[in-house]
PDB file of N, CA and C in Angstrom:
ATOM      1  N   UNK A   1      15.111  -2.235 -12.219  1.00  0.00           N
ATOM      2  CA  UNK A   1      13.489  -2.259 -11.768  1.00  0.00           C
ATOM      3  C   UNK A   1      13.231  -1.856 -10.744  1.00  0.00           C
ATOM      4  N   UNK A   2      11.730  -1.200 -11.164  1.00  0.00           N
ATOM      5  CA  UNK A   2      10.963  -1.094  -9.431  1.00  0.00           C
ATOM      6  C   UNK A   2      10.600  -2.290  -8.721  1.00  0.00           C
ATOM      7  N   UNK A   3      10.870  -1.946  -7.724  1.00  0.00           N
ATOM      8  CA  UNK A   3      10.053  -2.911  -6.647  1.00  0.00           C
ATOM      9  C   UNK A   3       8.830  -2.779  -5.537  1.00  0.00           C
ATOM     10  N   UNK A   4       7.898  -3.922  -5.683  1.00  0.00           N
ATOM     11  CA  UNK A   4       6.879  -3.681  -4.355  1.00  0.00           C
ATOM     12  C   UNK A   4       7.222  -4.889  -3.413  1.00  0.00           C
ATOM     13  N   UNK A   5       7.268  -4.078  -2.863  1.00  0.00           N
ATOM     14  CA  UNK A   5       7.154  -4.964  -1.308  1.00  0.00           C
ATOM     15  C   UNK A   5       5.827  -4.845  -0.291  1.00  0.00           C
ATOM     16  N   UNK A   6       5.348  -5.814   0.075  1.00  0.00           N
ATOM     17  CA  UNK A   6       3.734  -5.969   0.508  1.00  0.00           C
ATOM     18  C   UNK A   6       3.706  -7.170   1.829  1.00  0.00           C
ATOM     19  N   UNK A   7       3.304  -6.392   2.628  1.00  0.00           N
ATOM     20  CA  UNK A   7       3.425  -6.755   4.322  1.00  0.00           C
ATOM     21  C   UNK A   7       2.477  -6.807   4.053  1.00  0.00           C
ATOM     22  N   UNK A   8       1.510  -7.873   5.167  1.00  0.00           N
ATOM     23  CA  UNK A   8       0.199  -8.037   5.501  1.00  0.00           C
ATOM     24  C   UNK A   8       0.279  -8.802   6.868  1.00  0.00           C
ATOM     25  N   UNK A   9      -0.440  -7.173   7.845  1.00  0.00           N
ATOM     26  CA  UNK A   9      -0.402  -7.938   9.028  1.00  0.00           C
ATOM     27  C   UNK A   9      -1.203  -7.353  10.402  1.00  0.00           C
ATOM     28  N   UNK A  10      -1.403  -7.923  11.454  1.00  0.00           N
ATOM     29  CA  UNK A  10      -2.801  -7.921  12.383  1.00  0.00           C
ATOM     30  C   UNK A  10      -2.123  -6.338  13.440  1.00  0.00           C
ATOM     31  N   UNK A  11      -3.110  -5.616  13.415  1.00  0.00           N
ATOM     32  CA  UNK A  11      -3.043  -4.233  14.040  1.00  0.00           C
ATOM     33  C   UNK A  11      -4.279  -4.665  15.253  1.00  0.00           C
ATOM     34  N   UNK A  12      -4.141  -4.334  16.857  1.00  0.00           N
ATOM     35  CA  UNK A  12      -5.128  -4.258  17.725  1.00  0.00           C
ATOM     36  C   UNK A  12      -5.716  -3.407  17.412  1.00  0.00           C
ATOM     37  N   UNK A  13      -7.073  -3.323  17.695  1.00  0.00           N
ATOM     38  CA  UNK A  13      -8.076  -2.167  16.959  1.00  0.00           C
ATOM     39  C   UNK A  13      -7.650  -0.455  17.958  1.00  0.00           C
ATOM     40  N   UNK A  14      -7.748  -1.306  19.527  1.00  0.00           N
ATOM     41  CA  UNK A  14      -7.728  -0.259  20.084  1.00  0.00           C
ATOM     42  C   UNK A  14      -6.086   0.641  20.377  1.00  0.00           C
ATOM     43  N   UNK A  15      -5.065  -0.169  19.484  1.00  0.00           N
ATOM     44  CA  UNK A  15      -4.092   0.521  19.469  1.00  0.00           C
ATOM     45  C   UNK A  15      -3.418   1.318  17.850  1.00  0.00           C
ATOM     46  N   UNK A  16      -4.613   1.493  17.010  1.00  0.00           N
ATOM     47  CA  UNK A  16      -4.478   1.945  15.674  1.00  0.00           C
ATOM     48  C   UNK A  16      -3.710   3.319  15.562  1.00  0.00           C
ATOM     49  N   UNK A  17      -4.393   4.243  16.341  1.00  0.00           N
ATOM     50  CA  UNK A  17      -4.035   5.194  16.528  1.00  0.00           C
ATOM     51  C   UNK A  17      -2.558   5.258  16.771  1.00  0.00           C
ATOM     52  N   UNK A  18      -2.102   4.930  17.464  1.00  0.00           N
ATOM     53  CA  UNK A  18      -0.656   5.065  17.512  1.00  0.00           C
ATOM     54  C   UNK A  18       0.107   4.441  16.547  1.00  0.00           C
ATOM     55  N   UNK A  19      -0.427   3.393  15.949  1.00  0.00           N
ATOM     56  CA  UNK A  19       0.256   2.576  15.007  1.00  0.00           C
ATOM     57  C   UNK A  19       0.475   3.123  14.218  1.00  0.00           C
ATOM     58  N   UNK A  20      -0.459   3.942  13.238  1.00  0.00           N
ATOM     59  CA  UNK A  20      -0.476   5.055  11.396  1.00  0.00           C
ATOM     60  C   UNK A  20       1.231   6.280  12.930  1.00  0.00           C
ATOM     61  N   UNK A  21       0.125   6.657  14.063  1.00  0.00           N
ATOM     62  CA  UNK A  21       1.134   7.782  14.121  1.00  0.00           C
ATOM     63  C   UNK A  21       3.452   7.265  13.875  1.00  0.00           C
ATOM     64  N   UNK A  22       3.160   5.505  15.158  1.00  0.00           N
ATOM     65  CA  UNK A  22       4.488   5.287  14.455  1.00  0.00           C
ATOM     66  C   UNK A  22       4.964   5.018  13.665  1.00  0.00           C
ATOM     67  N   UNK A  23       4.081   4.882  12.553  1.00  0.00           N
ATOM     68  CA  UNK A  23       4.121   4.232  10.553  1.00  0.00           C
ATOM     69  C   UNK A  23       5.033   5.372  10.178  1.00  0.00           C
ATOM     70  N   UNK A  24       4.188   6.550  10.102  1.00  0.00           N
ATOM     71  CA  UNK A  24       4.611   7.441   9.846  1.00  0.00           C
ATOM     72  C   UNK A  24       5.847   8.032   9.814  1.00  0.00           C
ATOM     73  N   UNK A  25       6.425   7.883  11.551  1.00  0.00           N
ATOM     74  CA  UNK A  25       7.372   8.060  12.078  1.00  0.00           C
ATOM     75  C   UNK A  25       8.781   7.245  10.964  1.00  0.00           C
ATOM     76  N   UNK A  26       8.358   6.337  10.965  1.00  0.00           N
ATOM     77  CA  UNK A  26       8.876   4.883  10.732  1.00  0.00           C
ATOM     78  C   UNK A  26       9.633   5.270   9.348  1.00  0.00           C
ATOM     79  N   UNK A  27       8.470   5.774   7.728  1.00  0.00           N
ATOM     80  CA  UNK A  27       8.447   6.191   6.498  1.00  0.00           C
ATOM     81  C   UNK A  27      10.031   7.264   6.495  1.00  0.00           C
ATOM     82  N   UNK A  28       8.840   8.611   7.190  1.00  0.00           N
ATOM     83  CA  UNK A  28      10.237   9.769   7.451  1.00  0.00           C
ATOM     84  C   UNK A  28      11.300   9.480   7.891  1.00  0.00           C
ATOM     85  N   UNK A  29      12.022   8.442   8.847  1.00  0.00           N
ATOM     86  CA  UNK A  29      12.957   8.500   9.188  1.00  0.00           C
ATOM     87  C   UNK A  29      13.458   7.469   8.593  1.00  0.00           C
ATOM     88  N   UNK A  30      13.284   6.082   7.415  1.00  0.00           N
ATOM     89  CA  UNK A  30      13.520   5.344   6.139  1.00  0.00           C
ATOM     90  C   UNK A  30      14.045   5.938   5.054  1.00  0.00           C
ATOM     91  N   UNK A  31      13.273   6.033   4.939  1.00  0.00           N
ATOM     92  CA  UNK A  31      13.011   7.953   3.643  1.00  0.00           C
ATOM     93  C   UNK A  31      14.413   8.853   3.799  1.00  0.00           C
ATOM     94  N   UNK A  32      15.139   9.128   4.681  1.00  0.00           N
ATOM     95  CA  UNK A  32      16.432  10.134   5.693  1.00  0.00           C
ATOM     96  C   UNK A  32      17.065   9.049   5.414  1.00  0.00           C
ATOM     97  N   UNK A  33      16.979   8.505   5.818  1.00  0.00           N
ATOM     98  CA  UNK A  33      18.500   7.136   6.281  1.00  0.00           C
ATOM     99  C   UNK A  33      18.467   6.185   4.811  1.00  0.00           C
ATOM    100  N   UNK A  34      17.607   6.301   3.810  1.00  0.00           N
ATOM    101  CA  UNK A  34      17.838   5.074   2.791  1.00  0.00           C
ATOM    102  C   UNK A  34      17.358   5.417   1.601  1.00  0.00           C
ATOM    103  N   UNK A  35      17.517   6.096   0.666  1.00  0.00           N
ATOM    104  CA  UNK A  35      17.403   6.720  -0.851  1.00  0.00           C
ATOM    105  C   UNK A  35      16.288   5.649  -1.286  1.00  0.00           C
ATOM    106  N   UNK A  36      15.092   5.905  -2.901  1.00  0.00           N
ATOM    107  CA  UNK A  36      14.729   5.188  -3.170  1.00  0.00           C
ATOM    108  C   UNK A  36      13.198   4.412  -2.919  1.00  0.00           C
ATOM    109  N   UNK A  37      12.366   5.072  -1.616  1.00  0.00           N
ATOM    110  CA  UNK A  37      11.425   4.433  -1.236  1.00  0.00           C
ATOM    111  C   UNK A  37      10.837   5.477  -2.568  1.00  0.00           C
ATOM    112  N   UNK A  38       9.284   5.724  -3.567  1.00  0.00           N
ATOM    113  CA  UNK A  38       8.889   5.908  -3.928  1.00  0.00           C
ATOM    114  C   UNK A  38       7.697   6.404  -3.132  1.00  0.00           C
ATOM    115  N   UNK A  39       6.973   5.307  -2.648  1.00  0.00           N
ATOM    116  CA  UNK A  39       5.679   5.187  -2.483  1.00  0.00           C
ATOM    117  C   UNK A  39       5.190   4.007  -1.439  1.00  0.00           C
ATOM    118  N   UNK A  40       4.650   4.258  -0.663  1.00  0.00           N
ATOM    119  CA  UNK A  40       4.161   3.635   0.514  1.00  0.00           C
ATOM    120  C   UNK A  40       2.512   3.921   1.139  1.00  0.00           C
ATOM    121  N   UNK A  41       2.090   2.764   0.345  1.00  0.00           N
ATOM    122  CA  UNK A  41       0.466   2.829   0.708  1.00  0.00           C
ATOM    123  C   UNK A  41       0.038   1.945   1.828  1.00  0.00           C
ATOM    124  N   UNK A  42      -1.079   2.351   2.524  1.00  0.00           N
ATOM    125  CA  UNK A  42      -1.120   1.310   3.447  1.00  0.00           C
ATOM    126  C   UNK A  42      -2.654   1.079   3.410  1.00  0.00           C
ATOM    127  N   UNK A  43      -3.581  -0.267   3.370  1.00  0.00           N
ATOM    128  CA  UNK A  43      -5.012  -0.591   3.692  1.00  0.00           C
ATOM    129  C   UNK A  43      -4.971  -1.344   4.425  1.00  0.00           C
ATOM    130  N   UNK A  44      -6.605  -0.763   4.912  1.00  0.00           N
ATOM    131  CA  UNK A  44      -6.894  -1.453   5.744  1.00  0.00           C
ATOM    132  C   UNK A  44      -8.459  -2.776   5.176  1.00  0.00           C
ATOM    133  N   UNK A  45      -8.112  -4.081   5.257  1.00  0.00           N
ATOM    134  CA  UNK A  45      -8.773  -4.588   5.108  1.00  0.00           C
ATOM    135  C   UNK A  45      -9.814  -4.852   5.544  1.00  0.00           C
ATOM    136  N   UNK A  46      -9.755  -5.804   7.154  1.00  0.00           N
ATOM    137  CA  UNK A  46     -10.888  -5.159   8.283  1.00  0.00           C
ATOM    138  C   UNK A  46     -10.332  -4.798   9.411  1.00  0.00           C
ATOM    139  N   UNK A  47     -10.439  -5.284  10.339  1.00  0.00           N
ATOM    140  CA  UNK A  47     -11.168  -4.163  11.799  1.00  0.00           C
ATOM    141  C   UNK A  47      -9.203  -4.610  12.664  1.00  0.00           C
ATOM    142  N   UNK A  48      -8.975  -5.533  12.092  1.00  0.00           N
ATOM    143  CA  UNK A  48      -7.360  -5.836  12.499  1.00  0.00           C
ATOM    144  C   UNK A  48      -6.329  -6.218  11.084  1.00  0.00           C
ATOM    145  N   UNK A  49      -6.816  -6.770  10.361  1.00  0.00           N
ATOM    146  CA  UNK A  49      -5.499  -6.879   9.038  1.00  0.00           C
ATOM    147  C   UNK A  49      -5.633  -5.639   8.528  1.00  0.00           C
ATOM    148  N   UNK A  50      -4.534  -5.598   8.042  1.00  0.00           N
ATOM    149  CA  UNK A  50      -3.753  -4.580   6.691  1.00  0.00           C
ATOM    150  C   UNK A  50      -2.541  -4.826   6.312  1.00  0.00           C
ATOM    151  N   UNK A  51      -2.594  -3.727   4.697  1.00  0.00           N
ATOM    152  CA  UNK A  51      -1.734  -4.342   3.919  1.00  0.00           C
ATOM    153  C   UNK A  51      -0.719  -3.257   3.926  1.00  0.00           C
ATOM    154  N   UNK A  52       0.487  -3.304   4.190  1.00  0.00           N
ATOM    155  CA  UNK A  52       1.180  -2.044   3.821  1.00  0.00           C
ATOM    156  C   UNK A  52       2.069  -2.587   2.421  1.00  0.00           C
ATOM    157  N   UNK A  53       1.674  -1.635   1.124  1.00  0.00           N
ATOM    158  CA  UNK A  53       2.561  -1.910  -0.182  1.00  0.00           C
ATOM    159  C   UNK A  53       3.229  -0.799   0.196  1.00  0.00           C
ATOM    160  N   UNK A  54       4.999  -0.996  -0.203  1.00  0.00           N
ATOM    161  CA  UNK A  54       5.931   0.040  -0.622  1.00  0.00           C
ATOM    162  C   UNK A  54       6.338  -0.174  -2.309  1.00  0.00           C
ATOM    163  N   UNK A  55       6.400   0.648  -2.605  1.00  0.00           N
ATOM    164  CA  UNK A  55       6.882   0.892  -4.097  1.00  0.00           C
ATOM    165  C   UNK A  55       8.909   1.454  -3.776  1.00  0.00           C
ATOM    166  N   UNK A  56       9.345   0.431  -4.495  1.00  0.00           N
ATOM    167  CA  UNK A  56      10.765   0.856  -4.625  1.00  0.00           C
ATOM    168  C   UNK A  56      11.360   0.930  -6.326  1.00  0.00           C
ATOM    169  N   UNK A  57      12.925   1.803  -5.705  1.00  0.00           N
ATOM    170  CA  UNK A  57      13.056   1.996  -7.158  1.00  0.00           C
ATOM    171  C   UNK A  57      13.590   1.106  -7.445  1.00  0.00           C
ATOM    172  N   UNK A  58      14.414   0.267  -6.906  1.00  0.00           N
ATOM    173  CA  UNK A  58      15.009  -0.948  -6.954  1.00  0.00           C
ATOM    174  C   UNK A  58      14.870  -2.073  -5.576  1.00  0.00           C
ATOM    175  N   UNK A  59      15.510  -3.414  -6.346  1.00  0.00           N
ATOM    176  CA  UNK A  59      15.503  -4.466  -4.975  1.00  0.00           C
ATOM    177  C   UNK A  59      17.166  -4.256  -4.283  1.00  0.00           C
ATOM    178  N   UNK A  60      18.047  -3.140  -4.826  1.00  0.00           N
ATOM    179  CA  UNK A  60      19.574  -3.142  -4.526  1.00  0.00           C
ATOM    180  C   UNK A  60      18.716  -1.427  -3.357  1.00  0.00           C
ATOM    181  N   UNK A  61      17.629  -1.118  -3.242  1.00  0.00           N
ATOM    182  CA  UNK A  61      17.577   0.024  -2.452  1.00  0.00           C
ATOM    183  C   UNK A  61      16.562  -0.872  -1.138  1.00  0.00           C
ATOM    184  N   UNK A  62      15.486  -1.599  -2.090  1.00  0.00           N
ATOM    185  CA  UNK A  62      14.811  -2.540  -0.720  1.00  0.00           C
ATOM    186  C   UNK A  62      16.042  -3.022   0.325  1.00  0.00           C
ATOM    187  N   UNK A  63      16.742  -3.564  -0.720  1.00  0.00           N
ATOM    188  CA  UNK A  63      17.739  -4.565   0.218  1.00  0.00           C
ATOM    189  C   UNK A  63      18.699  -3.758   0.840  1.00  0.00           C
ATOM    190  N   UNK A  64      19.160  -3.032   0.937  1.00  0.00           N
ATOM    191  CA  UNK A  64      19.989  -1.712   1.575  1.00  0.00           C
ATOM    192  C   UNK A  64      19.001  -1.250   2.910  1.00  0.00           C
ATOM    193  N   UNK A  65      17.684  -0.618   2.400  1.00  0.00           N
ATOM    194  CA  UNK A  65      17.251  -0.941   3.479  1.00  0.00           C
ATOM    195  C   UNK A  65      16.567  -1.363   4.539  1.00  0.00           C
ATOM    196  N   UNK A  66      16.921  -3.200   4.176  1.00  0.00           N
ATOM    197  CA  UNK A  66      16.322  -3.997   5.093  1.00  0.00           C
ATOM    198  C   UNK A  66      17.649  -4.427   6.032  1.00  0.00           C
ATOM    199  N   UNK A  67      18.418  -3.993   5.314  1.00  0.00           N
ATOM    200  CA  UNK A  67      19.953  -4.208   5.867  1.00  0.00           C
ATOM    201  C   UNK A  67      20.374  -3.252   7.194  1.00  0.00           C
ATOM    202  N   UNK A  68      19.371  -2.047   7.004  1.00  0.00           N
ATOM    203  CA  UNK A  68      20.289  -1.775   8.008  1.00  0.00           C
ATOM    204  C   UNK A  68      19.007  -1.121   9.090  1.00  0.00           C
ATOM    205  N   UNK A  69      18.008  -1.087   8.409  1.00  0.00           N
ATOM    206  CA  UNK A  69      15.765  -0.716   8.972  1.00  0.00           C
ATOM    207  C   UNK A  69      16.065  -1.180  10.577  1.00  0.00           C
ATOM    208  N   UNK A  70      17.010  -2.092  11.090  1.00  0.00           N
ATOM    209  CA  UNK A  70      17.336  -2.766  12.496  1.00  0.00           C
ATOM    210  C   UNK A  70      17.332  -1.495  13.123  1.00  0.00           C
ATOM    211  N   UNK A  71      18.736  -1.180  12.262  1.00  0.00           N
ATOM    212  CA  UNK A  71      19.134   0.101  13.496  1.00  0.00           C
ATOM    213  C   UNK A  71      18.716   1.551  13.851  1.00  0.00           C
ATOM    214  N   UNK A  72      17.710   1.401  13.430  1.00  0.00           N
ATOM    215  CA  UNK A  72      16.966   2.834  13.260  1.00  0.00           C
ATOM    216  C   UNK A  72      15.522   2.449  14.407  1.00  0.00           C
ATOM    217  N   UNK A  73      15.367   3.024  15.681  1.00  0.00           N
ATOM    218  CA  UNK A  73      14.743   3.030  16.125  1.00  0.00           C
ATOM    219  C   UNK A  73      13.130   3.319  16.140  1.00  0.00           C
ATOM    220  N   UNK A  74      13.078   4.042  15.348  1.00  0.00           N
ATOM    221  CA  UNK A  74      11.167   3.809  14.212  1.00  0.00           C
ATOM    222  C   UNK A  74      10.742   2.814  13.695  1.00  0.00           C
ATOM    223  N   UNK A  75      12.003   1.984  13.522  1.00  0.00           N
ATOM    224  CA  UNK A  75      11.178   0.923  12.995  1.00  0.00           C
ATOM    225  C   UNK A  75      10.374  -0.342  14.069  1.00  0.00           C
ATOM    226  N   UNK A  76      11.815  -0.622  14.703  1.00  0.00           N
ATOM    227  CA  UNK A  76      11.262  -1.623  16.164  1.00  0.00           C
ATOM    228  C   UNK A  76      10.010  -1.277  16.494  1.00  0.00           C
ATOM    229  N   UNK A  77      10.016  -0.128  17.012  1.00  0.00           N
ATOM    230  CA  UNK A  77       8.747   0.560  17.878  1.00  0.00           C
ATOM    231  C   UNK A  77       7.689   0.876  16.539  1.00  0.00           C
ATOM    232  N   UNK A  78       7.974   0.862  15.398  1.00  0.00           N
ATOM    233  CA  UNK A  78       6.360   0.544  14.727  1.00  0.00           C
ATOM    234  C   UNK A  78       6.260  -0.564  14.802  1.00  0.00           C
ATOM    235  N   UNK A  79       6.669  -1.993  14.779  1.00  0.00           N
ATOM    236  CA  UNK A  79       6.375  -2.910  14.722  1.00  0.00           C
ATOM    237  C   UNK A  79       6.083  -4.031  15.946  1.00  0.00           C
ATOM    238  N   UNK A  80       6.727  -2.977  16.925  1.00  0.00           N
ATOM    239  CA  UNK A  80       5.689  -3.506  18.318  1.00  0.00           C
ATOM    240  C   UNK A  80       4.338  -3.383  18.674  1.00  0.00           C
ATOM    241  N   UNK A  81       3.941  -2.882  18.013  1.00  0.00           N
ATOM    242  CA  UNK A  81       2.232  -3.224  17.339  1.00  0.00           C
ATOM    243  C   UNK A  81       1.474  -3.812  16.680  1.00  0.00           C
ATOM    244  N   UNK A  82       2.657  -4.460  15.869  1.00  0.00           N
ATOM    245  CA  UNK A  82       1.913  -5.491  14.452  1.00  0.00           C
ATOM    246  C   UNK A  82       2.175  -6.698  15.380  1.00  0.00           C
ATOM    247  N   UNK A  83       1.362  -7.564  14.632  1.00  0.00           N
ATOM    248  CA  UNK A  83       1.601  -8.998  14.645  1.00  0.00           C
ATOM    249  C   UNK A  83       1.232  -9.784  13.768  1.00  0.00           C
ATOM    250  N   UNK A  84       1.514 -11.140  13.478  1.00  0.00           N
ATOM    251  CA  UNK A  84       1.883 -12.330  12.202  1.00  0.00           C
ATOM    252  C   UNK A  84       1.871 -11.337  10.883  1.00  0.00           C
ATOM    253  N   UNK A  85       3.000 -10.706  10.886  1.00  0.00           N
ATOM    254  CA  UNK A  85       3.101  -9.893   9.940  1.00  0.00           C
ATOM    255  C   UNK A  85       4.092 -11.394   9.213  1.00  0.00           C
ATOM    256  N   UNK A  86       3.265 -10.847   7.343  1.00  0.00           N
ATOM    257  CA  UNK A  86       4.092 -12.179   5.929  1.00  0.00           C
ATOM    258  C   UNK A  86       3.917 -10.770   5.306  1.00  0.00           C
ATOM    259  N   UNK A  87       5.320 -10.789   4.475  1.00  0.00           N
ATOM    260  CA  UNK A  87       6.178  -9.790   3.053  1.00  0.00           C
ATOM    261  C   UNK A  87       6.381 -10.816   2.355  1.00  0.00           C
ATOM    262  N   UNK A  88       6.266 -10.181   0.839  1.00  0.00           N
ATOM    263  CA  UNK A  88       6.764 -10.782  -0.112  1.00  0.00           C
ATOM    264  C   UNK A  88       7.582  -8.886  -0.679  1.00  0.00           C
ATOM    265  N   UNK A  89       8.240  -9.891  -1.772  1.00  0.00           N
ATOM    266  CA  UNK A  89       7.986  -9.131  -2.443  1.00  0.00           C
ATOM    267  C   UNK A  89       7.929  -9.619  -4.046  1.00  0.00           C
ATOM    268  N   UNK A  90       7.815  -7.934  -4.842  1.00  0.00           N
ATOM    269  CA  UNK A  90       7.866  -8.642  -6.322  1.00  0.00           C
ATOM    270  C   UNK A  90       8.448  -6.911  -7.535  1.00  0.00           C
ATOM    271  N   UNK A  91       8.635  -8.228  -8.406  1.00  0.00           N
ATOM    272  CA  UNK A  91       9.443  -7.176  -9.596  1.00  0.00           C
ATOM    273  C   UNK A  91       8.588  -6.136 -10.397  1.00  0.00           C
ATOM    274  N   UNK A  92       8.366  -5.501 -10.365  1.00  0.00           N
ATOM    275  CA  UNK A  92       7.111  -4.398 -11.499  1.00  0.00           C
ATOM    276  C   UNK A  92       7.777  -4.687 -12.581  1.00  0.00           C
ATOM    277  N   UNK A  93       6.797  -5.341 -13.235  1.00  0.00           N
ATOM    278  CA  UNK A  93       6.900  -5.292 -14.548  1.00  0.00           C
ATOM    279  C   UNK A  93       5.824  -4.499 -16.032  1.00  0.00           C
ATOM    280  N   UNK A  94       4.975  -3.874 -15.150  1.00  0.00           N
ATOM    281  CA  UNK A  94       3.995  -3.422 -15.996  1.00  0.00           C
ATOM    282  C   UNK A  94       3.663  -2.304 -15.007  1.00  0.00           C
ATOM    283  N   UNK A  95       3.705  -1.206 -15.606  1.00  0.00           N
ATOM    284  CA  UNK A  95       2.726   0.410 -14.879  1.00  0.00           C
ATOM    285  C   UNK A  95       2.550   1.196 -15.500  1.00  0.00           C
ATOM    286  N   UNK A  96       0.910   1.331 -15.628  1.00  0.00           N
ATOM    287  CA  UNK A  96       0.185   2.257 -16.292  1.00  0.00           C
ATOM    288  C   UNK A  96      -0.534   3.472 -15.696  1.00  0.00           C
TER     289      UNK A  96
END
């Protein structure tokens, strides 16, 4: 069953462009290393607050990526620019 992992965090406005660049590299690198990422959507709530929603094929795909993400330099590089991150994971029960 598909899984959505949502992370809410803060990014200082003066580093947003760099964050967006690093996030793109992170996503590309993770997709090469770990299968199962279907979609990654980023939304801005306000000047500092962002919500990043990633759709995965299964919980197993998420766990594999979470288990190995720290070994990929692009991941900590992107998160260096983030503060107050909170993540949650949910199983998709209906998608239309």
